[in-house]
Amino acid sequence: MAVPTRKHSKSRRDKNRSAHWKLSLPGITACPKCGAVKLSHRACKACGTYNGREVVEANASK
């Protein structure tokens, strides 16, 4: 097994470790019916549709 020849400082070690813990953006798409921004594979909060049919009652605030 490979052995490092020189010691890495704590700051350099922590910089390497920090790159793996970054959050990724969620899959955001536009609703095909109303055009509102929504999360993928979820019902639209604006119009209440999913996969071309209404599954949830739409918000009455609009």
PDB file of N, CA and C in Angstrom:
ATOM      1  N   MET A   1       0.837  -1.179   0.000  1.00  0.00           N
ATOM      2  CA  MET A   1       0.000   0.000   0.000  1.00  0.00           C
ATOM      3  C   MET A   1       0.880   1.239   0.000  1.00  0.00           C
ATOM      4  N   ALA A   2       0.454   2.287  -0.681  1.00  0.00           N
ATOM      5  CA  ALA A   2       1.246   3.508  -0.786  1.00  0.00           C
ATOM      6  C   ALA A   2       1.264   4.261   0.535  1.00  0.00           C
ATOM      7  N   VAL A   3       2.424   4.827   0.846  1.00  0.00           N
ATOM      8  CA  VAL A   3       2.597   5.598   2.074  1.00  0.00           C
ATOM      9  C   VAL A   3       3.018   7.009   1.681  1.00  0.00           C
ATOM     10  N   PRO A   4       2.360   8.061   2.211  1.00  0.00           N
ATOM     11  CA  PRO A   4       2.750   9.421   1.858  1.00  0.00           C
ATOM     12  C   PRO A   4       4.145   9.760   2.368  1.00  0.00           C
ATOM     13  N   THR A   5       4.943  10.446   1.538  1.00  0.00           N
ATOM     14  CA  THR A   5       6.303  10.794   1.947  1.00  0.00           C
ATOM     15  C   THR A   5       6.331  12.013   2.843  1.00  0.00           C
ATOM     16  N   ARG A   6       5.378  12.929   2.691  1.00  0.00           N
ATOM     17  CA  ARG A   6       5.360  14.136   3.521  1.00  0.00           C
ATOM     18  C   ARG A   6       3.978  14.315   4.137  1.00  0.00           C
ATOM     19  N   LYS A   7       3.989  14.955   5.278  1.00  0.00           N
ATOM     20  CA  LYS A   7       2.740  15.177   5.988  1.00  0.00           C
ATOM     21  C   LYS A   7       1.952  16.320   5.333  1.00  0.00           C
ATOM     22  N   HIS A   8       0.640  16.136   5.196  1.00  0.00           N
ATOM     23  CA  HIS A   8      -0.238  17.198   4.720  1.00  0.00           C
ATOM     24  C   HIS A   8      -0.715  17.982   5.921  1.00  0.00           C
ATOM     25  N   SER A   9      -0.769  19.293   5.786  1.00  0.00           N
ATOM     26  CA  SER A   9      -1.250  20.123   6.891  1.00  0.00           C
ATOM     27  C   SER A   9      -2.742  19.888   7.114  1.00  0.00           C
ATOM     28  N   LYS A  10      -3.233  20.311   8.272  1.00  0.00           N
ATOM     29  CA  LYS A  10      -4.646  20.120   8.594  1.00  0.00           C
ATOM     30  C   LYS A  10      -5.543  20.911   7.651  1.00  0.00           C
ATOM     31  N   SER A  11      -5.120  22.098   7.258  1.00  0.00           N
ATOM     32  CA  SER A  11      -5.929  22.904   6.353  1.00  0.00           C
ATOM     33  C   SER A  11      -6.008  22.262   4.975  1.00  0.00           C
ATOM     34  N   ARG A  12      -4.900  21.678   4.519  1.00  0.00           N
ATOM     35  CA  ARG A  12      -4.902  21.025   3.216  1.00  0.00           C
ATOM     36  C   ARG A  12      -5.758  19.756   3.253  1.00  0.00           C
ATOM     37  N   ARG A  13      -5.688  19.032   4.344  1.00  0.00           N
ATOM     38  CA  ARG A  13      -6.504  17.834   4.519  1.00  0.00           C
ATOM     39  C   ARG A  13      -7.989  18.197   4.526  1.00  0.00           C
ATOM     40  N   ASP A  14      -8.336  19.258   5.243  1.00  0.00           N
ATOM     41  CA  ASP A  14      -9.728  19.666   5.347  1.00  0.00           C
ATOM     42  C   ASP A  14     -10.261  20.207   4.019  1.00  0.00           C
ATOM     43  N   LYS A  15      -9.397  20.854   3.234  1.00  0.00           N
ATOM     44  CA  LYS A  15      -9.826  21.335   1.921  1.00  0.00           C
ATOM     45  C   LYS A  15     -10.197  20.160   1.016  1.00  0.00           C
ATOM     46  N   ASN A  16      -9.433  19.084   1.078  1.00  0.00           N
ATOM     47  CA  ASN A  16      -9.727  17.904   0.271  1.00  0.00           C
ATOM     48  C   ASN A  16     -11.034  17.260   0.707  1.00  0.00           C
ATOM     49  N   ARG A  17     -11.280  17.210   1.996  1.00  0.00           N
ATOM     50  CA  ARG A  17     -12.488  16.567   2.512  1.00  0.00           C
ATOM     51  C   ARG A  17     -13.733  17.391   2.239  1.00  0.00           C
ATOM     52  N   SER A  18     -13.607  18.700   2.166  1.00  0.00           N
ATOM     53  CA  SER A  18     -14.783  19.547   2.016  1.00  0.00           C
ATOM     54  C   SER A  18     -15.439  19.401   0.651  1.00  0.00           C
ATOM     55  N   ALA A  19     -14.690  18.958  -0.351  1.00  0.00           N
ATOM     56  CA  ALA A  19     -15.223  18.868  -1.705  1.00  0.00           C
ATOM     57  C   ALA A  19     -16.281  17.777  -1.841  1.00  0.00           C
ATOM     58  N   HIS A  20     -16.304  16.790  -0.969  1.00  0.00           N
ATOM     59  CA  HIS A  20     -17.215  15.659  -1.104  1.00  0.00           C
ATOM     60  C   HIS A  20     -18.544  15.891  -0.400  1.00  0.00           C
ATOM     61  N   TRP A  21     -18.678  16.944   0.386  1.00  0.00           N
ATOM     62  CA  TRP A  21     -19.876  17.155   1.187  1.00  0.00           C
ATOM     63  C   TRP A  21     -20.753  18.269   0.645  1.00  0.00           C
ATOM     64  N   LYS A  22     -20.530  18.712  -0.578  1.00  0.00           N
ATOM     65  CA  LYS A  22     -21.329  19.790  -1.133  1.00  0.00           C
ATOM     66  C   LYS A  22     -22.700  19.262  -1.540  1.00  0.00           C
ATOM     67  N   LEU A  23     -23.716  20.080  -1.317  1.00  0.00           N
ATOM     68  CA  LEU A  23     -25.069  19.701  -1.674  1.00  0.00           C
ATOM     69  C   LEU A  23     -25.291  19.893  -3.170  1.00  0.00           C
ATOM     70  N   SER A  24     -26.081  19.020  -3.749  1.00  0.00           N
ATOM     71  CA  SER A  24     -26.405  19.163  -5.164  1.00  0.00           C
ATOM     72  C   SER A  24     -27.784  19.797  -5.299  1.00  0.00           C
ATOM     73  N   LEU A  25     -28.027  20.436  -6.424  1.00  0.00           N
ATOM     74  CA  LEU A  25     -29.311  21.074  -6.658  1.00  0.00           C
ATOM     75  C   LEU A  25     -30.381  20.019  -6.916  1.00  0.00           C
ATOM     76  N   PRO A  26     -31.597  20.242  -6.409  1.00  0.00           N
ATOM     77  CA  PRO A  26     -32.670  19.296  -6.710  1.00  0.00           C
ATOM     78  C   PRO A  26     -33.126  19.447  -8.156  1.00  0.00           C
ATOM     79  N   GLY A  27     -33.741  18.410  -8.691  1.00  0.00           N
ATOM     80  CA  GLY A  27     -34.222  18.458 -10.063  1.00  0.00           C
ATOM     81  C   GLY A  27     -35.453  19.337 -10.171  1.00  0.00           C
ATOM     82  N   ILE A  28     -35.297  20.528 -10.728  1.00  0.00           N
ATOM     83  CA  ILE A  28     -36.396  21.469 -10.850  1.00  0.00           C
ATOM     84  C   ILE A  28     -36.791  21.563 -12.324  1.00  0.00           C
ATOM     85  N   THR A  29     -38.095  21.416 -12.593  1.00  0.00           N
ATOM     86  CA  THR A  29     -38.599  21.492 -13.954  1.00  0.00           C
ATOM     87  C   THR A  29     -39.811  22.418 -14.005  1.00  0.00           C
ATOM     88  N   ALA A  30     -40.257  22.719 -15.202  1.00  0.00           N
ATOM     89  CA  ALA A  30     -41.463  23.528 -15.384  1.00  0.00           C
ATOM     90  C   ALA A  30     -42.647  22.596 -15.567  1.00  0.00           C
ATOM     91  N   CYS A  31     -43.766  22.956 -14.995  1.00  0.00           N
ATOM     92  CA  CYS A  31     -44.997  22.177 -15.135  1.00  0.00           C
ATOM     93  C   CYS A  31     -45.475  22.280 -16.581  1.00  0.00           C
ATOM     94  N   PRO A  32     -45.784  21.151 -17.240  1.00  0.00           N
ATOM     95  CA  PRO A  32     -46.217  21.226 -18.640  1.00  0.00           C
ATOM     96  C   PRO A  32     -47.593  21.874 -18.821  1.00  0.00           C
ATOM     97  N   LYS A  33     -48.418  21.866 -17.776  1.00  0.00           N
ATOM     98  CA  LYS A  33     -49.763  22.436 -17.906  1.00  0.00           C
ATOM     99  C   LYS A  33     -49.782  23.939 -17.642  1.00  0.00           C
ATOM    100  N   CYS A  34     -49.227  24.354 -16.478  1.00  0.00           N
ATOM    101  CA  CYS A  34     -49.331  25.772 -16.115  1.00  0.00           C
ATOM    102  C   CYS A  34     -48.002  26.525 -16.231  1.00  0.00           C
ATOM    103  N   GLY A  35     -46.880  25.802 -16.348  1.00  0.00           N
ATOM    104  CA  GLY A  35     -45.581  26.453 -16.502  1.00  0.00           C
ATOM    105  C   GLY A  35     -44.920  26.860 -15.201  1.00  0.00           C
ATOM    106  N   ALA A  36     -45.520  26.531 -14.072  1.00  0.00           N
ATOM    107  CA  ALA A  36     -44.929  26.873 -12.781  1.00  0.00           C
ATOM    108  C   ALA A  36     -43.719  25.990 -12.509  1.00  0.00           C
ATOM    109  N   VAL A  37     -42.799  26.480 -11.698  1.00  0.00           N
ATOM    110  CA  VAL A  37     -41.606  25.715 -11.344  1.00  0.00           C
ATOM    111  C   VAL A  37     -41.985  24.698 -10.278  1.00  0.00           C
ATOM    112  N   LYS A  38     -41.571  23.439 -10.487  1.00  0.00           N
ATOM    113  CA  LYS A  38     -41.889  22.380  -9.531  1.00  0.00           C
ATOM    114  C   LYS A  38     -40.741  21.387  -9.458  1.00  0.00           C
ATOM    115  N   LEU A  39     -40.733  20.567  -8.419  1.00  0.00           N
ATOM    116  CA  LEU A  39     -39.750  19.506  -8.293  1.00  0.00           C
ATOM    117  C   LEU A  39     -40.145  18.340  -9.186  1.00  0.00           C
ATOM    118  N   SER A  40     -39.156  17.649  -9.751  1.00  0.00           N
ATOM    119  CA  SER A  40     -39.424  16.512 -10.616  1.00  0.00           C
ATOM    120  C   SER A  40     -40.080  15.379  -9.831  1.00  0.00           C
ATOM    121  N   HIS A  41     -40.947  14.634 -10.497  1.00  0.00           N
ATOM    122  CA  HIS A  41     -41.632  13.469  -9.938  1.00  0.00           C
ATOM    123  C   HIS A  41     -42.512  13.822  -8.748  1.00  0.00           C
ATOM    124  N   ARG A  42     -43.057  15.039  -8.751  1.00  0.00           N
ATOM    125  CA  ARG A  42     -43.981  15.465  -7.706  1.00  0.00           C
ATOM    126  C   ARG A  42     -45.122  16.238  -8.353  1.00  0.00           C
ATOM    127  N   ALA A  43     -46.262  16.252  -7.667  1.00  0.00           N
ATOM    128  CA  ALA A  43     -47.412  16.984  -8.189  1.00  0.00           C
ATOM    129  C   ALA A  43     -47.139  18.483  -8.129  1.00  0.00           C
ATOM    130  N   CYS A  44     -47.694  19.217  -9.094  1.00  0.00           N
ATOM    131  CA  CYS A  44     -47.525  20.666  -9.150  1.00  0.00           C
ATOM    132  C   CYS A  44     -48.378  21.308  -8.063  1.00  0.00           C
ATOM    133  N   LYS A  45     -47.789  22.224  -7.297  1.00  0.00           N
ATOM    134  CA  LYS A  45     -48.528  22.893  -6.231  1.00  0.00           C
ATOM    135  C   LYS A  45     -49.496  23.928  -6.787  1.00  0.00           C
ATOM    136  N   ALA A  46     -49.207  24.470  -7.954  1.00  0.00           N
ATOM    137  CA  ALA A  46     -50.043  25.522  -8.527  1.00  0.00           C
ATOM    138  C   ALA A  46     -51.330  24.965  -9.125  1.00  0.00           C
ATOM    139  N   CYS A  47     -51.227  23.916  -9.943  1.00  0.00           N
ATOM    140  CA  CYS A  47     -52.419  23.402 -10.616  1.00  0.00           C
ATOM    141  C   CYS A  47     -52.847  22.026 -10.114  1.00  0.00           C
ATOM    142  N   GLY A  48     -52.002  21.332  -9.347  1.00  0.00           N
ATOM    143  CA  GLY A  48     -52.385  20.051  -8.763  1.00  0.00           C
ATOM    144  C   GLY A  48     -52.330  18.870  -9.708  1.00  0.00           C
ATOM    145  N   THR A  49     -51.613  18.985 -10.819  1.00  0.00           N
ATOM    146  CA  THR A  49     -51.544  17.877 -11.773  1.00  0.00           C
ATOM    147  C   THR A  49     -50.232  17.120 -11.647  1.00  0.00           C
ATOM    148  N   TYR A  50     -50.298  15.845 -12.024  1.00  0.00           N
ATOM    149  CA  TYR A  50     -49.113  15.002 -12.116  1.00  0.00           C
ATOM    150  C   TYR A  50     -49.357  14.005 -13.229  1.00  0.00           C
ATOM    151  N   ASN A  51     -48.436  13.897 -14.145  1.00  0.00           N
ATOM    152  CA  ASN A  51     -48.490  12.957 -15.264  1.00  0.00           C
ATOM    153  C   ASN A  51     -49.753  13.161 -16.112  1.00  0.00           C
ATOM    154  N   GLY A  52     -50.154  14.423 -16.304  1.00  0.00           N
ATOM    155  CA  GLY A  52     -51.262  14.739 -17.187  1.00  0.00           C
ATOM    156  C   GLY A  52     -52.641  14.660 -16.569  1.00  0.00           C
ATOM    157  N   ARG A  53     -52.767  14.303 -15.280  1.00  0.00           N
ATOM    158  CA  ARG A  53     -54.086  14.271 -14.656  1.00  0.00           C
ATOM    159  C   ARG A  53     -54.051  14.953 -13.307  1.00  0.00           C
ATOM    160  N   GLU A  54     -55.219  15.431 -12.871  1.00  0.00           N
ATOM    161  CA  GLU A  54     -55.295  16.152 -11.598  1.00  0.00           C
ATOM    162  C   GLU A  54     -55.319  15.146 -10.454  1.00  0.00           C
ATOM    163  N   VAL A  55     -54.355  15.272  -9.544  1.00  0.00           N
ATOM    164  CA  VAL A  55     -54.267  14.337  -8.424  1.00  0.00           C
ATOM    165  C   VAL A  55     -54.499  15.037  -7.093  1.00  0.00           C
ATOM    166  N   VAL A  56     -54.337  16.346  -7.055  1.00  0.00           N
ATOM    167  CA  VAL A  56     -54.498  17.120  -5.826  1.00  0.00           C
ATOM    168  C   VAL A  56     -55.330  18.348  -6.184  1.00  0.00           C
ATOM    169  N   GLU A  57     -56.150  18.794  -5.247  1.00  0.00           N
ATOM    170  CA  GLU A  57     -56.905  20.017  -5.490  1.00  0.00           C
ATOM    171  C   GLU A  57     -55.945  21.189  -5.569  1.00  0.00           C
ATOM    172  N   ALA A  58     -56.156  22.054  -6.540  1.00  0.00           N
ATOM    173  CA  ALA A  58     -55.271  23.203  -6.741  1.00  0.00           C
ATOM    174  C   ALA A  58     -55.509  24.221  -5.638  1.00  0.00           C
ATOM    175  N   ASN A  59     -54.480  25.063  -5.382  1.00  0.00           N
ATOM    176  CA  ASN A  59     -54.611  26.130  -4.390  1.00  0.00           C
ATOM    177  C   ASN A  59     -55.660  27.125  -4.851  1.00  0.00           C
ATOM    178  N   ALA A  60     -56.572  27.492  -3.950  1.00  0.00           N
ATOM    179  CA  ALA A  60     -57.642  28.422  -4.298  1.00  0.00           C
ATOM    180  C   ALA A  60     -57.176  29.871  -4.220  1.00  0.00           C
ATOM    181  N   SER A  61     -55.932  30.109  -3.804  1.00  0.00           N
ATOM    182  CA  SER A  61     -55.440  31.478  -3.648  1.00  0.00           C
ATOM    183  C   SER A  61     -55.246  32.184  -4.997  1.00  0.00           C
ATOM    184  N   LYS A  62     -55.044  31.414  -6.093  1.00  0.00           N
ATOM    185  CA  LYS A  62     -54.882  32.019  -7.417  1.00  0.00           C
ATOM    186  C   LYS A  62     -56.207  32.354  -7.939  1.00  0.00           C
TER     187      LYS A  62
END
